[in-house]
Amino acid sequence: TADGKYTFLSSSMVREMAMYEANLDGLVPNEI
């Protein structure tokens, strides 16, 4: 089971947020 703080998180959500230049801190590894 996912850690509670990641239950909302998906790659598609990250892609959408990145398209609109939203803050990705705490969502993706800093390395990438």
All heavy atoms as atom14 arrays in JSON, in Angstrom:
{
  "sequence": "TADGKYTFLSSSMVREMAMYEANLDGLVPNEI",
  "atom14_mask": [
    [1, 1, 1, 1, 1, 1, 1, 0, 0, 0, 0, 0, 0, 0],
    [1, 1, 1, 1, 1, 0, 0, 0, 0, 0, 0, 0, 0, 0],
    [1, 1, 1, 1, 1, 1, 1, 1, 0, 0, 0, 0, 0, 0],
    [1, 1, 1, 1, 0, 0, 0, 0, 0, 0, 0, 0, 0, 0],
    [1, 1, 1, 1, 1, 1, 1, 1, 1, 0, 0, 0, 0, 0],
    [1, 1, 1, 1, 1, 1, 1, 1, 1, 1, 1, 1, 0, 0],
    [1, 1, 1, 1, 1, 1, 1, 0, 0, 0, 0, 0, 0, 0],
    [1, 1, 1, 1, 1, 1, 1, 1, 1, 1, 1, 0, 0, 0],
    [1, 1, 1, 1, 1, 1, 1, 1, 0, 0, 0, 0, 0, 0],
    [1, 1, 1, 1, 1, 1, 0, 0, 0, 0, 0, 0, 0, 0],
    [1, 1, 1, 1, 1, 1, 0, 0, 0, 0, 0, 0, 0, 0],
    [1, 1, 1, 1, 1, 1, 0, 0, 0, 0, 0, 0, 0, 0],
    [1, 1, 1, 1, 1, 1, 1, 1, 0, 0, 0, 0, 0, 0],
    [1, 1, 1, 1, 1, 1, 1, 0, 0, 0, 0, 0, 0, 0],
    [1, 1, 1, 1, 1, 1, 1, 1, 1, 1, 1, 0, 0, 0],
    [1, 1, 1, 1, 1, 1, 1, 1, 1, 0, 0, 0, 0, 0],
    [1, 1, 1, 1, 1, 1, 1, 1, 0, 0, 0, 0, 0, 0],
    [1, 1, 1, 1, 1, 0, 0, 0, 0, 0, 0, 0, 0, 0],
    [1, 1, 1, 1, 1, 1, 1, 1, 0, 0, 0, 0, 0, 0],
    [1, 1, 1, 1, 1, 1, 1, 1, 1, 1, 1, 1, 0, 0],
    [1, 1, 1, 1, 1, 1, 1, 1, 1, 0, 0, 0, 0, 0],
    [1, 1, 1, 1, 1, 0, 0, 0, 0, 0, 0, 0, 0, 0],
    [1, 1, 1, 1, 1, 1, 1, 1, 0, 0, 0, 0, 0, 0],
    [1, 1, 1, 1, 1, 1, 1, 1, 0, 0, 0, 0, 0, 0],
    [1, 1, 1, 1, 1, 1, 1, 1, 0, 0, 0, 0, 0, 0],
    [1, 1, 1, 1, 0, 0, 0, 0, 0, 0, 0, 0, 0, 0],
    [1, 1, 1, 1, 1, 1, 1, 1, 0, 0, 0, 0, 0, 0],
    [1, 1, 1, 1, 1, 1, 1, 0, 0, 0, 0, 0, 0, 0],
    [1, 1, 1, 1, 1, 1, 1, 0, 0, 0, 0, 0, 0, 0],
    [1, 1, 1, 1, 1, 1, 1, 1, 0, 0, 0, 0, 0, 0],
    [1, 1, 1, 1, 1, 1, 1, 1, 1, 0, 0, 0, 0, 0],
    [1, 1, 1, 1, 1, 1, 1, 1, 0, 0, 0, 0, 0, 0]
  ],
  "atom14_positions": [
    [[0.85, -1.19, 0.0], [0.0, 0.0, 0.0], [0.88, 1.24, 0.0], [1.95, 1.27, 0.6], [-0.93, 0.03, 1.22], [-0.15, -0.08, 2.41], [-1.94, -1.1, 1.16], [0.0, 0.0, 0.0], [0.0, 0.0, 0.0], [0.0, 0.0, 0.0], [0.0, 0.0, 0.0], [0.0, 0.0, 0.0], [0.0, 0.0, 0.0], [0.0, 0.0, 0.0]],
    [[0.43, 2.23, -0.72], [1.16, 3.48, -0.82], [1.24, 4.17, 0.53], [0.3, 4.09, 1.33], [0.48, 4.4, -1.82], [0.0, 0.0, 0.0], [0.0, 0.0, 0.0], [0.0, 0.0, 0.0], [0.0, 0.0, 0.0], [0.0, 0.0, 0.0], [0.0, 0.0, 0.0], [0.0, 0.0, 0.0], [0.0, 0.0, 0.0], [0.0, 0.0, 0.0]],
    [[2.33, 4.84, 0.77], [2.44, 5.72, 1.91], [1.34, 6.78, 1.74], [1.1, 7.26, 0.63], [3.83, 6.37, 1.91], [4.1, 7.22, 3.12], [3.32, 8.17, 3.37], [5.08, 6.95, 3.82], [0.0, 0.0, 0.0], [0.0, 0.0, 0.0], [0.0, 0.0, 0.0], [0.0, 0.0, 0.0], [0.0, 0.0, 0.0], [0.0, 0.0, 0.0]],
    [[0.66, 7.12, 2.81], [-0.48, 8.04, 2.75], [-0.21, 9.33, 2.01], [-1.09, 9.84, 1.3], [0.0, 0.0, 0.0], [0.0, 0.0, 0.0], [0.0, 0.0, 0.0], [0.0, 0.0, 0.0], [0.0, 0.0, 0.0], [0.0, 0.0, 0.0], [0.0, 0.0, 0.0], [0.0, 0.0, 0.0], [0.0, 0.0, 0.0], [0.0, 0.0, 0.0]],
    [[1.0, 9.86, 2.12], [1.29, 11.13, 1.47], [1.41, 11.02, -0.05], [1.5, 12.03, -0.74], [2.53, 11.78, 2.06], [3.8, 11.03, 1.89], [4.94, 11.72, 2.64], [6.19, 10.87, 2.65], [7.22, 11.46, 3.48], [0.0, 0.0, 0.0], [0.0, 0.0, 0.0], [0.0, 0.0, 0.0], [0.0, 0.0, 0.0], [0.0, 0.0, 0.0]],
    [[1.4, 9.78, -0.58], [1.5, 9.59, -2.02], [0.24, 9.0, -2.65], [0.23, 8.69, -3.84], [2.69, 8.68, -2.36], [4.01, 9.22, -1.86], [4.79, 8.48, -0.99], [4.46, 10.48, -2.24], [6.0, 8.96, -0.52], [5.66, 10.98, -1.77], [6.43, 10.21, -0.91], [7.62, 10.7, -0.44], [0.0, 0.0, 0.0], [0.0, 0.0, 0.0]],
    [[-0.83, 8.86, -1.89], [-2.03, 8.21, -2.43], [-2.67, 9.0, -3.57], [-3.37, 8.42, -4.4], [-3.08, 7.96, -1.33], [-3.39, 9.19, -0.7], [-2.58, 6.95, -0.31], [0.0, 0.0, 0.0], [0.0, 0.0, 0.0], [0.0, 0.0, 0.0], [0.0, 0.0, 0.0], [0.0, 0.0, 0.0], [0.0, 0.0, 0.0], [0.0, 0.0, 0.0]],
    [[-2.42, 10.27, -3.65], [-2.99, 11.12, -4.7], [-2.08, 11.23, -5.92], [-2.49, 11.74, -6.97], [-3.22, 12.54, -4.16], [-1.91, 13.26, -3.89], [-1.34, 14.06, -4.87], [-1.25, 13.09, -2.68], [-0.12, 14.69, -4.64], [-0.04, 13.72, -2.45], [0.52, 14.52, -3.43], [0.0, 0.0, 0.0], [0.0, 0.0, 0.0], [0.0, 0.0, 0.0]],
    [[-0.85, 10.76, -5.81], [0.19, 11.06, -6.79], [0.21, 10.07, -7.95], [0.17, 8.87, -7.75], [1.55, 11.04, -6.06], [2.79, 11.46, -6.84], [2.63, 12.85, -7.43], [4.0, 11.4, -5.91], [0.0, 0.0, 0.0], [0.0, 0.0, 0.0], [0.0, 0.0, 0.0], [0.0, 0.0, 0.0], [0.0, 0.0, 0.0], [0.0, 0.0, 0.0]],
    [[0.31, 10.61, -9.15], [0.43, 9.78, -10.36], [1.35, 10.49, -11.35], [1.52, 11.71, -11.3], [-0.93, 9.55, -11.0], [-1.43, 10.76, -11.54], [0.0, 0.0, 0.0], [0.0, 0.0, 0.0], [0.0, 0.0, 0.0], [0.0, 0.0, 0.0], [0.0, 0.0, 0.0], [0.0, 0.0, 0.0], [0.0, 0.0, 0.0], [0.0, 0.0, 0.0]],
    [[1.91, 9.71, -12.26], [2.76, 10.29, -13.31], [1.98, 11.27, -14.17], [2.49, 12.32, -14.56], [3.34, 9.18, -14.19], [4.23, 8.39, -13.45], [0.0, 0.0, 0.0], [0.0, 0.0, 0.0], [0.0, 0.0, 0.0], [0.0, 0.0, 0.0], [0.0, 0.0, 0.0], [0.0, 0.0, 0.0], [0.0, 0.0, 0.0], [0.0, 0.0, 0.0]],
    [[0.73, 10.93, -14.48], [-0.07, 11.83, -15.32], [-0.31, 13.16, -14.62], [-0.29, 14.22, -15.26], [-1.39, 11.18, -15.74], [-2.13, 10.78, -14.62], [0.0, 0.0, 0.0], [0.0, 0.0, 0.0], [0.0, 0.0, 0.0], [0.0, 0.0, 0.0], [0.0, 0.0, 0.0], [0.0, 0.0, 0.0], [0.0, 0.0, 0.0], [0.0, 0.0, 0.0]],
    [[-0.49, 13.12, -13.29], [-0.66, 14.36, -12.54], [0.62, 15.2, -12.6], [0.57, 16.41, -12.79], [-1.04, 14.05, -11.09], [-1.29, 15.29, -10.26], [-1.7, 14.9, -8.56], [-3.22, 14.01, -8.8], [0.0, 0.0, 0.0], [0.0, 0.0, 0.0], [0.0, 0.0, 0.0], [0.0, 0.0, 0.0], [0.0, 0.0, 0.0], [0.0, 0.0, 0.0]],
    [[1.76, 14.54, -12.45], [3.05, 15.24, -12.51], [3.24, 15.87, -13.89], [3.66, 17.02, -14.0], [4.21, 14.28, -12.16], [5.56, 14.89, -12.55], [4.18, 13.92, -10.69], [0.0, 0.0, 0.0], [0.0, 0.0, 0.0], [0.0, 0.0, 0.0], [0.0, 0.0, 0.0], [0.0, 0.0, 0.0], [0.0, 0.0, 0.0], [0.0, 0.0, 0.0]],
    [[2.93, 15.13, -14.95], [3.07, 15.67, -16.31], [2.2, 16.91, -16.48], [2.64, 17.92, -17.02], [2.7, 14.62, -17.36], [3.71, 13.52, -17.51], [3.45, 12.67, -18.74], [2.09, 12.18, -18.86], [1.65, 11.02, -18.36], [2.46, 10.25, -17.67], [0.4, 10.65, -18.52], [0.0, 0.0, 0.0], [0.0, 0.0, 0.0], [0.0, 0.0, 0.0]],
    [[0.96, 16.82, -16.02], [0.04, 17.95, -16.15], [0.54, 19.16, -15.36], [0.53, 20.29, -15.85], [-1.36, 17.53, -15.66], [-2.43, 18.56, -15.88], [-2.87, 18.68, -17.34], [-2.52, 17.81, -18.16], [-3.55, 19.67, -17.65], [0.0, 0.0, 0.0], [0.0, 0.0, 0.0], [0.0, 0.0, 0.0], [0.0, 0.0, 0.0], [0.0, 0.0, 0.0]],
    [[0.98, 18.93, -14.14], [1.5, 20.02, -13.32], [2.73, 20.66, -13.97], [2.86, 21.88, -13.99], [1.83, 19.51, -11.92], [0.62, 19.14, -11.1], [1.06, 18.44, -9.5], [1.79, 19.86, -8.69], [0.0, 0.0, 0.0], [0.0, 0.0, 0.0], [0.0, 0.0, 0.0], [0.0, 0.0, 0.0], [0.0, 0.0, 0.0], [0.0, 0.0, 0.0]],
    [[3.61, 19.83, -14.5], [4.82, 20.33, -15.13], [4.49, 21.17, -16.36], [5.17, 22.17, -16.64], [5.75, 19.18, -15.49], [0.0, 0.0, 0.0], [0.0, 0.0, 0.0], [0.0, 0.0, 0.0], [0.0, 0.0, 0.0], [0.0, 0.0, 0.0], [0.0, 0.0, 0.0], [0.0, 0.0, 0.0], [0.0, 0.0, 0.0], [0.0, 0.0, 0.0]],
    [[3.46, 20.77, -17.1], [3.05, 21.52, -18.3], [2.66, 22.96, -17.94], [2.84, 23.87, -18.73], [1.87, 20.83, -18.97], [2.2, 19.49, -19.54], [2.65, 19.55, -21.25], [1.09, 19.86, -22.0], [0.0, 0.0, 0.0], [0.0, 0.0, 0.0], [0.0, 0.0, 0.0], [0.0, 0.0, 0.0], [0.0, 0.0, 0.0], [0.0, 0.0, 0.0]],
    [[2.11, 23.13, -16.74], [1.68, 24.45, -16.3], [2.64, 25.07, -15.29], [2.28, 26.01, -14.59], [0.25, 24.37, -15.75], [-0.72, 24.05, -16.85], [-1.12, 22.74, -17.09], [-1.2, 25.05, -17.68], [-1.99, 22.44, -18.14], [-2.07, 24.76, -18.73], [-2.45, 23.45, -18.94], [-3.3, 23.16, -19.98], [0.0, 0.0, 0.0], [0.0, 0.0, 0.0]],
    [[3.85, 24.51, -15.26], [4.96, 25.03, -14.45], [4.62, 25.11, -12.96], [5.1, 26.0, -12.26], [5.41, 26.38, -15.01], [5.87, 26.27, -16.45], [6.24, 27.6, -17.09], [6.25, 28.63, -16.39], [6.51, 27.6, -18.3], [0.0, 0.0, 0.0], [0.0, 0.0, 0.0], [0.0, 0.0, 0.0], [0.0, 0.0, 0.0], [0.0, 0.0, 0.0]],
    [[3.83, 24.17, -12.48], [3.52, 24.09, -11.05], [4.73, 23.52, -10.3], [5.59, 22.86, -10.89], [2.3, 23.22, -10.82], [0.0, 0.0, 0.0], [0.0, 0.0, 0.0], [0.0, 0.0, 0.0], [0.0, 0.0, 0.0], [0.0, 0.0, 0.0], [0.0, 0.0, 0.0], [0.0, 0.0, 0.0], [0.0, 0.0, 0.0], [0.0, 0.0, 0.0]],
    [[4.79, 23.76, -9.03], [5.88, 23.3, -8.18], [5.84, 21.78, -8.03], [4.83, 21.23, -7.59], [5.76, 23.98, -6.81], [6.89, 23.65, -5.88], [7.72, 22.79, -6.15], [6.94, 24.35, -4.77], [0.0, 0.0, 0.0], [0.0, 0.0, 0.0], [0.0, 0.0, 0.0], [0.0, 0.0, 0.0], [0.0, 0.0, 0.0], [0.0, 0.0, 0.0]],
    [[6.93, 21.11, -8.36], [7.01, 19.65, -8.28], [7.74, 19.17, -7.03], [7.97, 17.96, -6.87], [7.7, 19.09, -9.53], [7.04, 19.39, -10.87], [7.85, 18.77, -12.01], [5.6, 18.91, -10.88], [0.0, 0.0, 0.0], [0.0, 0.0, 0.0], [0.0, 0.0, 0.0], [0.0, 0.0, 0.0], [0.0, 0.0, 0.0], [0.0, 0.0, 0.0]],
    [[8.09, 20.09, -6.13], [8.78, 19.69, -4.9], [7.94, 18.7, -4.12], [6.72, 18.87, -3.97], [9.05, 20.91, -4.01], [10.11, 21.84, -4.58], [10.82, 21.43, -5.52], [10.22, 22.99, -4.09], [0.0, 0.0, 0.0], [0.0, 0.0, 0.0], [0.0, 0.0, 0.0], [0.0, 0.0, 0.0], [0.0, 0.0, 0.0], [0.0, 0.0, 0.0]],
    [[8.57, 17.63, -3.65], [7.88, 16.63, -2.86], [7.07, 15.64, -3.68], [6.37, 14.8, -3.12], [0.0, 0.0, 0.0], [0.0, 0.0, 0.0], [0.0, 0.0, 0.0], [0.0, 0.0, 0.0], [0.0, 0.0, 0.0], [0.0, 0.0, 0.0], [0.0, 0.0, 0.0], [0.0, 0.0, 0.0], [0.0, 0.0, 0.0], [0.0, 0.0, 0.0]],
    [[7.16, 15.74, -5.01], [6.4, 14.85, -5.89], [7.3, 13.94, -6.72], [6.91, 12.82, -7.04], [5.49, 15.66, -6.82], [4.51, 16.61, -6.15], [3.72, 17.38, -7.2], [3.59, 15.86, -5.21], [0.0, 0.0, 0.0], [0.0, 0.0, 0.0], [0.0, 0.0, 0.0], [0.0, 0.0, 0.0], [0.0, 0.0, 0.0], [0.0, 0.0, 0.0]],
    [[8.46, 14.45, -7.1], [9.39, 13.69, -7.93], [10.79, 13.76, -7.31], [11.09, 14.69, -6.57], [9.43, 14.22, -9.39], [8.07, 14.09, -10.05], [9.92, 15.65, -9.46], [0.0, 0.0, 0.0], [0.0, 0.0, 0.0], [0.0, 0.0, 0.0], [0.0, 0.0, 0.0], [0.0, 0.0, 0.0], [0.0, 0.0, 0.0], [0.0, 0.0, 0.0]],
    [[11.64, 12.78, -7.63], [13.01, 12.84, -7.11], [13.73, 14.11, -7.59], [13.58, 14.52, -8.75], [13.68, 11.59, -7.71], [12.54, 10.67, -8.03], [11.4, 11.56, -8.4], [0.0, 0.0, 0.0], [0.0, 0.0, 0.0], [0.0, 0.0, 0.0], [0.0, 0.0, 0.0], [0.0, 0.0, 0.0], [0.0, 0.0, 0.0], [0.0, 0.0, 0.0]],
    [[14.49, 14.72, -6.69], [15.23, 15.94, -7.04], [16.16, 15.72, -8.23], [16.38, 16.63, -9.02], [16.03, 16.45, -5.84], [15.13, 17.06, -4.79], [14.08, 17.61, -5.08], [15.55, 16.95, -3.54], [0.0, 0.0, 0.0], [0.0, 0.0, 0.0], [0.0, 0.0, 0.0], [0.0, 0.0, 0.0], [0.0, 0.0, 0.0], [0.0, 0.0, 0.0]],
    [[16.7, 14.51, -8.35], [17.66, 14.2, -9.42], [17.08, 14.4, -10.81], [17.83, 14.58, -11.77], [18.14, 12.73, -9.32], [18.89, 12.39, -8.07], [18.01, 11.89, -6.93], [16.79, 12.1, -6.95], [18.58, 11.3, -5.99], [0.0, 0.0, 0.0], [0.0, 0.0, 0.0], [0.0, 0.0, 0.0], [0.0, 0.0, 0.0], [0.0, 0.0, 0.0]],
    [[15.76, 14.35, -10.93], [15.15, 14.41, -12.27], [14.16, 15.56, -12.44], [13.57, 15.71, -13.5], [14.46, 13.08, -12.62], [13.29, 12.81, -11.68], [15.47, 11.93, -12.61], [12.35, 11.72, -12.16], [0.0, 0.0, 0.0], [0.0, 0.0, 0.0], [0.0, 0.0, 0.0], [0.0, 0.0, 0.0], [0.0, 0.0, 0.0], [0.0, 0.0, 0.0]]
  ]
}
